[in-house]
């Protein structure tokens, strides 16, 4: 019997093979774990991009709503201003008509020497 053929050497070789197999199994698990981690990172990045896109769309909708509301408010204010201006114009016209009638009466009196 040689030193390699001793029962201790057979059990040492078996132990070495078992350690090598276990190392290969651990390497395979590490490779699988890395692939799974990469898949999860990619999935998370995709979900994050979807969330950012939804947030951008929501912000755009809110901005459009705010712009529409501002436009409606500006239109309402403009209508109020026009209505007040038209009321002022009407009042000024009434005053002008009254003054014109009084002016005509005054001119007629002056020209006709108070004969009216």
PDB file of N, CA and C in Angstrom:
ATOM      1  N   UNK A   1       0.818  -1.180   0.000  1.00  0.00           N
ATOM      2  CA  UNK A   1       0.000   0.000   0.000  1.00  0.00           C
ATOM      3  C   UNK A   1       0.864   1.247   0.000  1.00  0.00           C
ATOM      4  N   UNK A   2       0.466   2.192  -0.831  1.00  0.00           N
ATOM      5  CA  UNK A   2       1.208   3.443  -0.876  1.00  0.00           C
ATOM      6  C   UNK A   2       0.553   4.417   0.065  1.00  0.00           C
ATOM      7  N   UNK A   3       1.191   5.554   0.215  1.00  0.00           N
ATOM      8  CA  UNK A   3       0.660   6.574   1.125  1.00  0.00           C
ATOM      9  C   UNK A   3      -0.653   7.120   0.604  1.00  0.00           C
ATOM     10  N   UNK A   4      -0.802   7.024  -0.702  1.00  0.00           N
ATOM     11  CA  UNK A   4      -2.056   7.553  -1.273  1.00  0.00           C
ATOM     12  C   UNK A   4      -3.200   6.570  -1.131  1.00  0.00           C
ATOM     13  N   UNK A   5      -2.877   5.358  -0.919  1.00  0.00           N
ATOM     14  CA  UNK A   5      -3.915   4.338  -0.848  1.00  0.00           C
ATOM     15  C   UNK A   5      -4.397   4.098   0.572  1.00  0.00           C
ATOM     16  N   UNK A   6      -3.921   4.784   1.511  1.00  0.00           N
ATOM     17  CA  UNK A   6      -4.327   4.560   2.890  1.00  0.00           C
ATOM     18  C   UNK A   6      -5.744   5.016   3.076  1.00  0.00           C
ATOM     19  N   UNK A   7      -6.434   4.458   4.023  1.00  0.00           N
ATOM     20  CA  UNK A   7      -7.812   4.857   4.276  1.00  0.00           C
ATOM     21  C   UNK A   7      -7.915   6.342   4.595  1.00  0.00           C
ATOM     22  N   UNK A   8      -6.914   6.896   5.236  1.00  0.00           N
ATOM     23  CA  UNK A   8      -6.939   8.334   5.528  1.00  0.00           C
ATOM     24  C   UNK A   8      -6.859   9.140   4.247  1.00  0.00           C
ATOM     25  N   UNK A   9      -6.092   8.698   3.259  1.00  0.00           N
ATOM     26  CA  UNK A   9      -5.965   9.443   2.023  1.00  0.00           C
ATOM     27  C   UNK A   9      -7.263   9.379   1.233  1.00  0.00           C
ATOM     28  N   UNK A  10      -7.967   8.242   1.305  1.00  0.00           N
ATOM     29  CA  UNK A  10      -9.256   8.145   0.610  1.00  0.00           C
ATOM     30  C   UNK A  10     -10.277   9.080   1.250  1.00  0.00           C
ATOM     31  N   UNK A  11     -10.290   9.127   2.532  1.00  0.00           N
ATOM     32  CA  UNK A  11     -11.237  10.026   3.194  1.00  0.00           C
ATOM     33  C   UNK A  11     -10.837  11.476   2.978  1.00  0.00           C
ATOM     34  N   UNK A  12      -9.524  11.762   2.857  1.00  0.00           N
ATOM     35  CA  UNK A  12      -9.060  13.117   2.571  1.00  0.00           C
ATOM     36  C   UNK A  12      -9.465  13.549   1.181  1.00  0.00           C
ATOM     37  N   UNK A  13      -9.342  12.609   0.204  1.00  0.00           N
ATOM     38  CA  UNK A  13      -9.771  12.921  -1.167  1.00  0.00           C
ATOM     39  C   UNK A  13     -11.274  13.138  -1.226  1.00  0.00           C
ATOM     40  N   UNK A  14     -12.004  12.333  -0.516  1.00  0.00           N
ATOM     41  CA  UNK A  14     -13.466  12.486  -0.480  1.00  0.00           C
ATOM     42  C   UNK A  14     -13.837  13.826   0.144  1.00  0.00           C
ATOM     43  N   UNK A  15     -13.137  14.172   1.186  1.00  0.00           N
ATOM     44  CA  UNK A  15     -13.382  15.450   1.847  1.00  0.00           C
ATOM     45  C   UNK A  15     -13.029  16.598   0.895  1.00  0.00           C
ATOM     46  N   UNK A  16     -11.910  16.448   0.192  1.00  0.00           N
ATOM     47  CA  UNK A  16     -11.504  17.467  -0.770  1.00  0.00           C
ATOM     48  C   UNK A  16     -12.555  17.615  -1.885  1.00  0.00           C
ATOM     49  N   UNK A  17     -13.037  16.445  -2.408  1.00  0.00           N
ATOM     50  CA  UNK A  17     -14.086  16.493  -3.453  1.00  0.00           C
ATOM     51  C   UNK A  17     -15.362  17.142  -2.904  1.00  0.00           C
ATOM     52  N   UNK A  18     -15.706  16.817  -1.673  1.00  0.00           N
ATOM     53  CA  UNK A  18     -16.906  17.396  -1.065  1.00  0.00           C
ATOM     54  C   UNK A  18     -16.748  18.904  -0.898  1.00  0.00           C
ATOM     55  N   UNK A  19     -15.567  19.331  -0.482  1.00  0.00           N
ATOM     56  CA  UNK A  19     -15.305  20.772  -0.343  1.00  0.00           C
ATOM     57  C   UNK A  19     -15.368  21.447  -1.703  1.00  0.00           C
ATOM     58  N   UNK A  20     -14.793  20.801  -2.742  1.00  0.00           N
ATOM     59  CA  UNK A  20     -14.805  21.368  -4.094  1.00  0.00           C
ATOM     60  C   UNK A  20     -16.235  21.461  -4.615  1.00  0.00           C
ATOM     61  N   UNK A  21     -17.034  20.405  -4.359  1.00  0.00           N
ATOM     62  CA  UNK A  21     -18.435  20.433  -4.790  1.00  0.00           C
ATOM     63  C   UNK A  21     -19.210  21.526  -4.051  1.00  0.00           C
ATOM     64  N   UNK A  22     -18.952  21.638  -2.784  1.00  0.00           N
ATOM     65  CA  UNK A  22     -19.637  22.674  -1.991  1.00  0.00           C
ATOM     66  C   UNK A  22     -19.237  24.066  -2.485  1.00  0.00           C
ATOM     67  N   UNK A  23     -17.955  24.243  -2.822  1.00  0.00           N
ATOM     68  CA  UNK A  23     -17.486  25.518  -3.349  1.00  0.00           C
ATOM     69  C   UNK A  23     -18.172  25.831  -4.674  1.00  0.00           C
ATOM     70  N   UNK A  24     -18.301  24.822  -5.546  1.00  0.00           N
ATOM     71  CA  UNK A  24     -18.991  25.019  -6.825  1.00  0.00           C
ATOM     72  C   UNK A  24     -20.453  25.390  -6.584  1.00  0.00           C
ATOM     73  N   UNK A  25     -21.090  24.707  -5.631  1.00  0.00           N
ATOM     74  CA  UNK A  25     -22.486  25.011  -5.305  1.00  0.00           C
ATOM     75  C   UNK A  25     -22.607  26.449  -4.789  1.00  0.00           C
ATOM     76  N   UNK A  26     -21.694  26.851  -3.928  1.00  0.00           N
ATOM     77  CA  UNK A  26     -21.715  28.224  -3.412  1.00  0.00           C
ATOM     78  C   UNK A  26     -21.464  29.234  -4.528  1.00  0.00           C
ATOM     79  N   UNK A  27     -20.555  28.929  -5.443  1.00  0.00           N
ATOM     80  CA  UNK A  27     -20.297  29.822  -6.582  1.00  0.00           C
ATOM     81  C   UNK A  27     -21.554  29.945  -7.441  1.00  0.00           C
ATOM     82  N   UNK A  28     -22.250  28.819  -7.667  1.00  0.00           N
ATOM     83  CA  UNK A  28     -23.493  28.845  -8.447  1.00  0.00           C
ATOM     84  C   UNK A  28     -24.550  29.683  -7.716  1.00  0.00           C
ATOM     85  N   UNK A  29     -24.635  29.536  -6.403  1.00  0.00           N
ATOM     86  CA  UNK A  29     -25.594  30.323  -5.627  1.00  0.00           C
ATOM     87  C   UNK A  29     -25.253  31.811  -5.687  1.00  0.00           C
ATOM     88  N   UNK A  30     -23.951  32.114  -5.627  1.00  0.00           N
ATOM     89  CA  UNK A  30     -23.530  33.516  -5.730  1.00  0.00           C
ATOM     90  C   UNK A  30     -23.897  34.068  -7.102  1.00  0.00           C
ATOM     91  N   UNK A  31     -23.650  33.311  -8.159  1.00  0.00           N
ATOM     92  CA  UNK A  31     -23.986  33.740  -9.517  1.00  0.00           C
ATOM     93  C   UNK A  31     -25.490  33.949  -9.642  1.00  0.00           C
ATOM     94  N   UNK A  32     -26.263  32.990  -9.104  1.00  0.00           N
ATOM     95  CA  UNK A  32     -27.729  33.127  -9.144  1.00  0.00           C
ATOM     96  C   UNK A  32     -28.191  34.341  -8.353  1.00  0.00           C
ATOM     97  N   UNK A  33     -27.583  34.566  -7.186  1.00  0.00           N
ATOM     98  CA  UNK A  33     -27.966  35.706  -6.349  1.00  0.00           C
ATOM     99  C   UNK A  33     -27.637  37.019  -7.049  1.00  0.00           C
ATOM    100  N   UNK A  34     -26.482  37.066  -7.716  1.00  0.00           N
ATOM    101  CA  UNK A  34     -26.134  38.284  -8.456  1.00  0.00           C
ATOM    102  C   UNK A  34     -27.102  38.527  -9.606  1.00  0.00           C
ATOM    103  N   UNK A  35     -27.455  37.456 -10.315  1.00  0.00           N
ATOM    104  CA  UNK A  35     -28.419  37.602 -11.421  1.00  0.00           C
ATOM    105  C   UNK A  35     -29.773  38.061 -10.889  1.00  0.00           C
ATOM    106  N   UNK A  36     -30.198  37.492  -9.766  1.00  0.00           N
ATOM    107  CA  UNK A  36     -31.472  37.895  -9.152  1.00  0.00           C
ATOM    108  C   UNK A  36     -31.408  39.347  -8.689  1.00  0.00           C
ATOM    109  N   UNK A  37     -30.289  39.746  -8.096  1.00  0.00           N
ATOM    110  CA  UNK A  37     -30.124  41.127  -7.657  1.00  0.00           C
ATOM    111  C   UNK A  37     -30.173  42.078  -8.845  1.00  0.00           C
ATOM    112  N   UNK A  38     -29.505  41.729  -9.939  1.00  0.00           N
ATOM    113  CA  UNK A  38     -29.520  42.572 -11.133  1.00  0.00           C
ATOM    114  C   UNK A  38     -30.935  42.677 -11.694  1.00  0.00           C
ATOM    115  N   UNK A  39     -31.674  41.547 -11.686  1.00  0.00           N
ATOM    116  CA  UNK A  39     -33.057  41.558 -12.173  1.00  0.00           C
ATOM    117  C   UNK A  39     -33.921  42.466 -11.292  1.00  0.00           C
ATOM    118  N   UNK A  40     -33.727  42.377  -9.984  1.00  0.00           N
ATOM    119  CA  UNK A  40     -34.521  43.202  -9.066  1.00  0.00           C
ATOM    120  C   UNK A  40     -34.177  44.682  -9.213  1.00  0.00           C
ATOM    121  N   UNK A  41     -32.901  44.988  -9.394  1.00  0.00           N
ATOM    122  CA  UNK A  41     -32.488  46.384  -9.598  1.00  0.00           C
ATOM    123  C   UNK A  41     -33.119  46.916 -10.881  1.00  0.00           C
ATOM    124  N   UNK A  42     -33.080  46.110 -11.936  1.00  0.00           N
ATOM    125  CA  UNK A  42     -33.677  46.537 -13.207  1.00  0.00           C
ATOM    126  C   UNK A  42     -35.181  46.741 -13.055  1.00  0.00           C
ATOM    127  N   UNK A  43     -35.823  45.825 -12.344  1.00  0.00           N
ATOM    128  CA  UNK A  43     -37.267  45.952 -12.104  1.00  0.00           C
ATOM    129  C   UNK A  43     -37.564  47.216 -11.290  1.00  0.00           C
ATOM    130  N   UNK A  44     -36.777  47.464 -10.256  1.00  0.00           N
ATOM    131  CA  UNK A  44     -36.977  48.654  -9.422  1.00  0.00           C
ATOM    132  C   UNK A  44     -36.753  49.926 -10.228  1.00  0.00           C
ATOM    133  N   UNK A  45     -35.752  49.918 -11.103  1.00  0.00           N
ATOM    134  CA  UNK A  45     -35.506  51.084 -11.945  1.00  0.00           C
ATOM    135  C   UNK A  45     -36.682  51.325 -12.891  1.00  0.00           C
ATOM    136  N   UNK A  46     -37.229  50.248 -13.439  1.00  0.00           N
ATOM    137  CA  UNK A  46     -38.403  50.380 -14.306  1.00  0.00           C
ATOM    138  C   UNK A  46     -39.591  50.944 -13.546  1.00  0.00           C
ATOM    139  N   UNK A  47     -39.803  50.439 -12.329  1.00  0.00           N
ATOM    140  CA  UNK A  47     -40.910  50.944 -11.511  1.00  0.00           C
ATOM    141  C   UNK A  47     -40.685  52.404 -11.142  1.00  0.00           C
ATOM    142  N   UNK A  48     -39.454  52.750 -10.844  1.00  0.00           N
ATOM    143  CA  UNK A  48     -39.144  54.140 -10.500  1.00  0.00           C
ATOM    144  C   UNK A  48     -39.404  55.049 -11.700  1.00  0.00           C
ATOM    145  N   UNK A  49     -39.035  54.614 -12.885  1.00  0.00           N
ATOM    146  CA  UNK A  49     -39.280  55.427 -14.089  1.00  0.00           C
ATOM    147  C   UNK A  49     -40.773  55.582 -14.336  1.00  0.00           C
ATOM    148  N   UNK A  50     -41.531  54.513 -14.123  1.00  0.00           N
ATOM    149  CA  UNK A  50     -42.988  54.607 -14.264  1.00  0.00           C
ATOM    150  C   UNK A  50     -43.567  55.604 -13.266  1.00  0.00           C
ATOM    151  N   UNK A  51     -43.067  55.570 -12.036  1.00  0.00           N
ATOM    152  CA  UNK A  51     -43.549  56.508 -11.020  1.00  0.00           C
ATOM    153  C   UNK A  51     -43.191  57.939 -11.396  1.00  0.00           C
ATOM    154  N   UNK A  52     -41.971  58.146 -11.908  1.00  0.00           N
ATOM    155  CA  UNK A  52     -41.572  59.495 -12.333  1.00  0.00           C
ATOM    156  C   UNK A  52     -42.454  59.964 -13.489  1.00  0.00           C
ATOM    157  N   UNK A  53     -42.751  59.069 -14.424  1.00  0.00           N
ATOM    158  CA  UNK A  53     -43.597  59.442 -15.558  1.00  0.00           C
ATOM    159  C   UNK A  53     -45.000  59.813 -15.067  1.00  0.00           C
ATOM    160  N   UNK A  54     -45.541  59.010 -14.133  1.00  0.00           N
ATOM    161  CA  UNK A  54     -46.872  59.337 -13.590  1.00  0.00           C
ATOM    162  C   UNK A  54     -46.835  60.661 -12.847  1.00  0.00           C
ATOM    163  N   UNK A  55     -45.764  60.910 -12.105  1.00  0.00           N
ATOM    164  CA  UNK A  55     -45.639  62.168 -11.367  1.00  0.00           C
ATOM    165  C   UNK A  55     -45.545  63.348 -12.333  1.00  0.00           C
ATOM    166  N   UNK A  56     -44.783  63.186 -13.430  1.00  0.00           N
ATOM    167  CA  UNK A  56     -44.699  64.261 -14.426  1.00  0.00           C
ATOM    168  C   UNK A  56     -46.065  64.513 -15.056  1.00  0.00           C
ATOM    169  N   UNK A  57     -46.778  63.429 -15.398  1.00  0.00           N
ATOM    170  CA  UNK A  57     -48.115  63.587 -15.983  1.00  0.00           C
ATOM    171  C   UNK A  57     -49.048  64.289 -15.002  1.00  0.00           C
ATOM    172  N   UNK A  58     -48.985  63.895 -13.746  1.00  0.00           N
ATOM    173  CA  UNK A  58     -49.850  64.511 -12.724  1.00  0.00           C
ATOM    174  C   UNK A  58     -49.510  65.990 -12.558  1.00  0.00           C
ATOM    175  N   UNK A  59     -48.218  66.292 -12.520  1.00  0.00           N
ATOM    176  CA  UNK A  59     -47.797  67.695 -12.399  1.00  0.00           C
ATOM    177  C   UNK A  59     -48.274  68.499 -13.601  1.00  0.00           C
ATOM    178  N   UNK A  60     -48.181  67.908 -14.794  1.00  0.00           N
ATOM    179  CA  UNK A  60     -48.653  68.587 -16.003  1.00  0.00           C
ATOM    180  C   UNK A  60     -50.164  68.829 -15.919  1.00  0.00           C
ATOM    181  N   UNK A  61     -50.909  67.818 -15.436  1.00  0.00           N
ATOM    182  CA  UNK A  61     -52.358  67.976 -15.280  1.00  0.00           C
ATOM    183  C   UNK A  61     -52.691  69.069 -14.272  1.00  0.00           C
ATOM    184  N   UNK A  62     -51.963  69.083 -13.162  1.00  0.00           N
ATOM    185  CA  UNK A  62     -52.203  70.110 -12.139  1.00  0.00           C
ATOM    186  C   UNK A  62     -51.892  71.489 -12.696  1.00  0.00           C
ATOM    187  N   UNK A  63     -50.768  71.594 -13.424  1.00  0.00           N
ATOM    188  CA  UNK A  63     -50.393  72.887 -14.009  1.00  0.00           C
ATOM    189  C   UNK A  63     -51.437  73.333 -15.025  1.00  0.00           C
ATOM    190  N   UNK A  64     -51.916  72.386 -15.844  1.00  0.00           N
ATOM    191  CA  UNK A  64     -52.938  72.741 -16.836  1.00  0.00           C
ATOM    192  C   UNK A  64     -54.220  73.176 -16.143  1.00  0.00           C
ATOM    193  N   UNK A  65     -54.586  72.478 -15.078  1.00  0.00           N
ATOM    194  CA  UNK A  65     -55.781  72.850 -14.317  1.00  0.00           C
ATOM    195  C   UNK A  65     -55.632  74.226 -13.695  1.00  0.00           C
ATOM    196  N   UNK A  66     -54.447  74.490 -13.156  1.00  0.00           N
ATOM    197  CA  UNK A  66     -54.199  75.796 -12.542  1.00  0.00           C
ATOM    198  C   UNK A  66     -54.219  76.897 -13.600  1.00  0.00           C
ATOM    199  N   UNK A  67     -53.652  76.608 -14.766  1.00  0.00           N
ATOM    200  CA  UNK A  67     -53.654  77.599 -15.845  1.00  0.00           C
ATOM    201  C   UNK A  67     -55.082  77.863 -16.321  1.00  0.00           C
ATOM    202  N   UNK A  68     -55.865  76.806 -16.433  1.00  0.00           N
ATOM    203  CA  UNK A  68     -57.263  76.978 -16.858  1.00  0.00           C
ATOM    204  C   UNK A  68     -58.037  77.778 -15.818  1.00  0.00           C
ATOM    205  N   UNK A  69     -57.802  77.479 -14.549  1.00  0.00           N
ATOM    206  CA  UNK A  69     -58.475  78.223 -13.477  1.00  0.00           C
ATOM    207  C   UNK A  69     -58.057  79.687 -13.497  1.00  0.00           C
ATOM    208  N   UNK A  70     -56.773  79.941 -13.699  1.00  0.00           N
ATOM    209  CA  UNK A  70     -56.278  81.323 -13.770  1.00  0.00           C
ATOM    210  C   UNK A  70     -56.904  82.041 -14.963  1.00  0.00           C
ATOM    211  N   UNK A  71     -57.038  81.333 -16.072  1.00  0.00           N
ATOM    212  CA  UNK A  71     -57.646  81.925 -17.262  1.00  0.00           C
ATOM    213  C   UNK A  71     -59.118  82.261 -17.004  1.00  0.00           C
ATOM    214  N   UNK A  72     -59.822  81.332 -16.353  1.00  0.00           N
ATOM    215  CA  UNK A  72     -61.236  81.598 -16.030  1.00  0.00           C
ATOM    216  C   UNK A  72     -61.359  82.786 -15.077  1.00  0.00           C
ATOM    217  N   UNK A  73     -60.468  82.861 -14.102  1.00  0.00           N
ATOM    218  CA  UNK A  73     -60.503  83.975 -13.145  1.00  0.00           C
ATOM    219  C   UNK A  73     -60.196  85.292 -13.850  1.00  0.00           C
ATOM    220  N   UNK A  74     -59.217  85.279 -14.745  1.00  0.00           N
ATOM    221  CA  UNK A  74     -58.878  86.496 -15.493  1.00  0.00           C
ATOM    222  C   UNK A  74     -60.061  86.915 -16.361  1.00  0.00           C
ATOM    223  N   UNK A  75     -60.723  85.957 -16.974  1.00  0.00           N
ATOM    224  CA  UNK A  75     -61.904  86.266 -17.804  1.00  0.00           C
ATOM    225  C   UNK A  75     -63.016  86.869 -16.949  1.00  0.00           C
ATOM    226  N   UNK A  76     -63.225  86.297 -15.758  1.00  0.00           N
ATOM    227  CA  UNK A  76     -64.264  86.819 -14.858  1.00  0.00           C
ATOM    228  C   UNK A  76     -63.933  88.253 -14.450  1.00  0.00           C
ATOM    229  N   UNK A  77     -62.681  88.503 -14.098  1.00  0.00           N
ATOM    230  CA  UNK A  77     -62.267  89.848 -13.693  1.00  0.00           C
ATOM    231  C   UNK A  77     -62.414  90.819 -14.866  1.00  0.00           C
ATOM    232  N   UNK A  78     -62.021  90.375 -16.057  1.00  0.00           N
ATOM    233  CA  UNK A  78     -62.144  91.235 -17.241  1.00  0.00           C
ATOM    234  C   UNK A  78     -63.608  91.591 -17.482  1.00  0.00           C
ATOM    235  N   UNK A  79     -64.506  90.627 -17.327  1.00  0.00           N
ATOM    236  CA  UNK A  79     -65.940  90.895 -17.515  1.00  0.00           C
ATOM    237  C   UNK A  79     -66.446  91.891 -16.479  1.00  0.00           C
ATOM    238  N   UNK A  80     -65.973  91.749 -15.232  1.00  0.00           N
ATOM    239  CA  UNK A  80     -66.371  92.701 -14.194  1.00  0.00           C
ATOM    240  C   UNK A  80     -65.896  94.109 -14.549  1.00  0.00           C
ATOM    241  N   UNK A  81     -64.664  94.215 -15.003  1.00  0.00           N
ATOM    242  CA  UNK A  81     -64.106  95.526 -15.356  1.00  0.00           C
ATOM    243  C   UNK A  81     -64.888  96.131 -16.516  1.00  0.00           C
ATOM    244  N   UNK A  82     -65.190  95.329 -17.535  1.00  0.00           N
ATOM    245  CA  UNK A  82     -65.950  95.826 -18.688  1.00  0.00           C
ATOM    246  C   UNK A  82     -67.346  96.258 -18.242  1.00  0.00           C
ATOM    247  N   UNK A  83     -67.983  95.471 -17.383  1.00  0.00           N
ATOM    248  CA  UNK A  83     -69.322  95.829 -16.911  1.00  0.00           C
ATOM    249  C   UNK A  83     -69.292  97.146 -16.138  1.00  0.00           C
ATOM    250  N   UNK A  84     -68.284  97.322 -15.270  1.00  0.00           N
ATOM    251  CA  UNK A  84     -68.168  98.586 -14.535  1.00  0.00           C
ATOM    252  C   UNK A  84     -67.902  99.743 -15.486  1.00  0.00           C
ATOM    253  N   UNK A  85     -67.039  99.510 -16.467  1.00  0.00           N
ATOM    254  CA  UNK A  85     -66.725 100.573 -17.433  1.00  0.00           C
ATOM    255  C   UNK A  85     -67.968 100.942 -18.235  1.00  0.00           C
ATOM    256  N   UNK A  86     -68.729  99.939 -18.648  1.00  0.00           N
ATOM    257  CA  UNK A  86     -69.963 100.224 -19.405  1.00  0.00           C
ATOM    258  C   UNK A  86     -70.956 100.991 -18.545  1.00  0.00           C
ATOM    259  N   UNK A  87     -71.041 100.642 -17.256  1.00  0.00           N
ATOM    260  CA  UNK A  87     -71.940 101.368 -16.357  1.00  0.00           C
ATOM    261  C   UNK A  87     -71.473 102.811 -16.201  1.00  0.00           C
ATOM    262  N   UNK A  88     -70.160 103.019 -16.082  1.00  0.00           N
ATOM    263  CA  UNK A  88     -69.626 104.373 -15.972  1.00  0.00           C
ATOM    264  C   UNK A  88     -69.885 105.162 -17.247  1.00  0.00           C
ATOM    265  N   UNK A  89     -69.716 104.524 -18.407  1.00  0.00           N
ATOM    266  CA  UNK A  89     -69.981 105.187 -19.697  1.00  0.00           C
ATOM    267  C   UNK A  89     -71.440 105.600 -19.764  1.00  0.00           C
ATOM    268  N   UNK A  90     -72.340 104.709 -19.359  1.00  0.00           N
ATOM    269  CA  UNK A  90     -73.768 105.022 -19.396  1.00  0.00           C
ATOM    270  C   UNK A  90     -74.072 106.197 -18.470  1.00  0.00           C
ATOM    271  N   UNK A  91     -73.474 106.215 -17.288  1.00  0.00           N
ATOM    272  CA  UNK A  91     -73.701 107.311 -16.347  1.00  0.00           C
ATOM    273  C   UNK A  91     -73.159 108.615 -16.917  1.00  0.00           C
ATOM    274  N   UNK A  92     -71.986 108.558 -17.519  1.00  0.00           N
ATOM    275  CA  UNK A  92     -71.404 109.766 -18.124  1.00  0.00           C
ATOM    276  C   UNK A  92     -72.277 110.246 -19.279  1.00  0.00           C
ATOM    277  N   UNK A  93     -72.816 109.337 -20.073  1.00  0.00           N
ATOM    278  CA  UNK A  93     -73.697 109.734 -21.186  1.00  0.00           C
ATOM    279  C   UNK A  93     -74.964 110.401 -20.651  1.00  0.00           C
ATOM    280  N   UNK A  94     -75.517 109.834 -19.574  1.00  0.00           N
ATOM    281  CA  UNK A  94     -76.721 110.446 -18.991  1.00  0.00           C
ATOM    282  C   UNK A  94     -76.413 111.868 -18.507  1.00  0.00           C
ATOM    283  N   UNK A  95     -75.282 111.988 -17.818  1.00  0.00           N
ATOM    284  CA  UNK A  95     -74.892 113.321 -17.339  1.00  0.00           C
ATOM    285  C   UNK A  95     -74.659 114.270 -18.518  1.00  0.00           C
ATOM    286  N   UNK A  96     -74.033 113.774 -19.564  1.00  0.00           N
ATOM    287  CA  UNK A  96     -73.770 114.613 -20.741  1.00  0.00           C
ATOM    288  C   UNK A  96     -75.081 115.019 -21.399  1.00  0.00           C
ATOM    289  N   UNK A  97     -76.016 114.119 -21.483  1.00  0.00           N
ATOM    290  CA  UNK A  97     -77.320 114.442 -22.094  1.00  0.00           C
ATOM    291  C   UNK A  97     -78.050 115.491 -21.263  1.00  0.00           C
ATOM    292  N   UNK A  98     -78.005 115.324 -19.947  1.00  0.00           N
ATOM    293  CA  UNK A  98     -78.647 116.317 -19.080  1.00  0.00           C
ATOM    294  C   UNK A  98     -77.972 117.680 -19.247  1.00  0.00           C
ATOM    295  N   UNK A  99     -76.654 117.668 -19.268  1.00  0.00           N
ATOM    296  CA  UNK A  99     -75.932 118.922 -19.414  1.00  0.00           C
ATOM    297  C   UNK A  99     -76.150 119.517 -20.803  1.00  0.00           C
ATOM    298  N   UNK A 100     -76.231 118.672 -21.826  1.00  0.00           N
ATOM    299  CA  UNK A 100     -76.485 119.171 -23.189  1.00  0.00           C
ATOM    300  C   UNK A 100     -77.859 119.834 -23.231  1.00  0.00           C
ATOM    301  N   UNK A 101     -78.856 119.186 -22.635  1.00  0.00           N
ATOM    302  CA  UNK A 101     -80.202 119.773 -22.632  1.00  0.00           C
ATOM    303  C   UNK A 101     -80.194 121.112 -21.877  1.00  0.00           C
ATOM    304  N   UNK A 102     -79.516 121.162 -20.754  1.00  0.00           N
ATOM    305  CA  UNK A 102     -79.432 122.416 -20.003  1.00  0.00           C
ATOM    306  C   UNK A 102     -78.645 123.455 -20.795  1.00  0.00           C
ATOM    307  N   UNK A 103     -77.593 123.010 -21.504  1.00  0.00           N
ATOM    308  CA  UNK A 103     -76.789 123.922 -22.325  1.00  0.00           C
ATOM    309  C   UNK A 103     -77.607 124.487 -23.464  1.00  0.00           C
ATOM    310  N   UNK A 104     -78.382 123.623 -24.124  1.00  0.00           N
ATOM    311  CA  UNK A 104     -79.241 124.106 -25.217  1.00  0.00           C
ATOM    312  C   UNK A 104     -80.243 125.106 -24.664  1.00  0.00           C
ATOM    313  N   UNK A 105     -80.815 124.797 -23.550  1.00  0.00           N
ATOM    314  CA  UNK A 105     -81.785 125.700 -22.934  1.00  0.00           C
ATOM    315  C   UNK A 105     -81.126 127.029 -22.598  1.00  0.00           C
ATOM    316  N   UNK A 106     -79.908 126.977 -22.082  1.00  0.00           N
ATOM    317  CA  UNK A 106     -79.185 128.191 -21.728  1.00  0.00           C
ATOM    318  C   UNK A 106     -78.860 129.004 -22.983  1.00  0.00           C
ATOM    319  N   UNK A 107     -78.412 128.330 -24.057  1.00  0.00           N
ATOM    320  CA  UNK A 107     -78.088 129.029 -25.308  1.00  0.00           C
ATOM    321  C   UNK A 107     -79.353 129.655 -25.891  1.00  0.00           C
ATOM    322  N   UNK A 108     -80.437 128.920 -25.894  1.00  0.00           N
ATOM    323  CA  UNK A 108     -81.692 129.467 -26.439  1.00  0.00           C
ATOM    324  C   UNK A 108     -82.109 130.678 -25.633  1.00  0.00           C
ATOM    325  N   UNK A 109     -82.000 130.600 -24.336  1.00  0.00           N
ATOM    326  CA  UNK A 109     -82.371 131.732 -23.502  1.00  0.00           C
ATOM    327  C   UNK A 109     -81.488 132.932 -23.784  1.00  0.00           C
ATOM    328  N   UNK A 110     -80.211 132.688 -23.922  1.00  0.00           N
ATOM    329  CA  UNK A 110     -79.262 133.791 -24.170  1.00  0.00           C
ATOM    330  C   UNK A 110     -79.522 134.384 -25.562  1.00  0.00           C
ATOM    331  N   UNK A 111     -79.732 133.498 -26.556  1.00  0.00           N
ATOM    332  CA  UNK A 111     -79.893 133.991 -27.934  1.00  0.00           C
ATOM    333  C   UNK A 111     -81.251 134.699 -28.060  1.00  0.00           C
ATOM    334  N   UNK A 112     -82.236 134.150 -27.508  1.00  0.00           N
ATOM    335  CA  UNK A 112     -83.557 134.735 -27.640  1.00  0.00           C
ATOM    336  C   UNK A 112     -83.826 135.794 -26.540  1.00  0.00           C
ATOM    337  N   UNK A 113     -82.902 135.965 -25.732  1.00  0.00           N
ATOM    338  CA  UNK A 113     -83.015 137.001 -24.703  1.00  0.00           C
ATOM    339  C   UNK A 113     -84.045 136.681 -23.665  1.00  0.00           C
ATOM    340  N   UNK A 114     -84.137 135.388 -23.320  1.00  0.00           N
ATOM    341  CA  UNK A 114     -85.026 135.014 -22.238  1.00  0.00           C
ATOM    342  C   UNK A 114     -86.475 134.952 -22.639  1.00  0.00           C
ATOM    343  N   UNK A 115     -86.762 134.818 -23.904  1.00  0.00           N
ATOM    344  CA  UNK A 115     -88.127 134.799 -24.371  1.00  0.00           C
ATOM    345  C   UNK A 115     -88.761 133.411 -24.332  1.00  0.00           C
ATOM    346  N   UNK A 116     -88.113 132.487 -23.881  1.00  0.00           N
ATOM    347  CA  UNK A 116     -88.665 131.122 -23.888  1.00  0.00           C
ATOM    348  C   UNK A 116     -89.639 130.923 -22.776  1.00  0.00           C
TER     349      UNK A 116
END
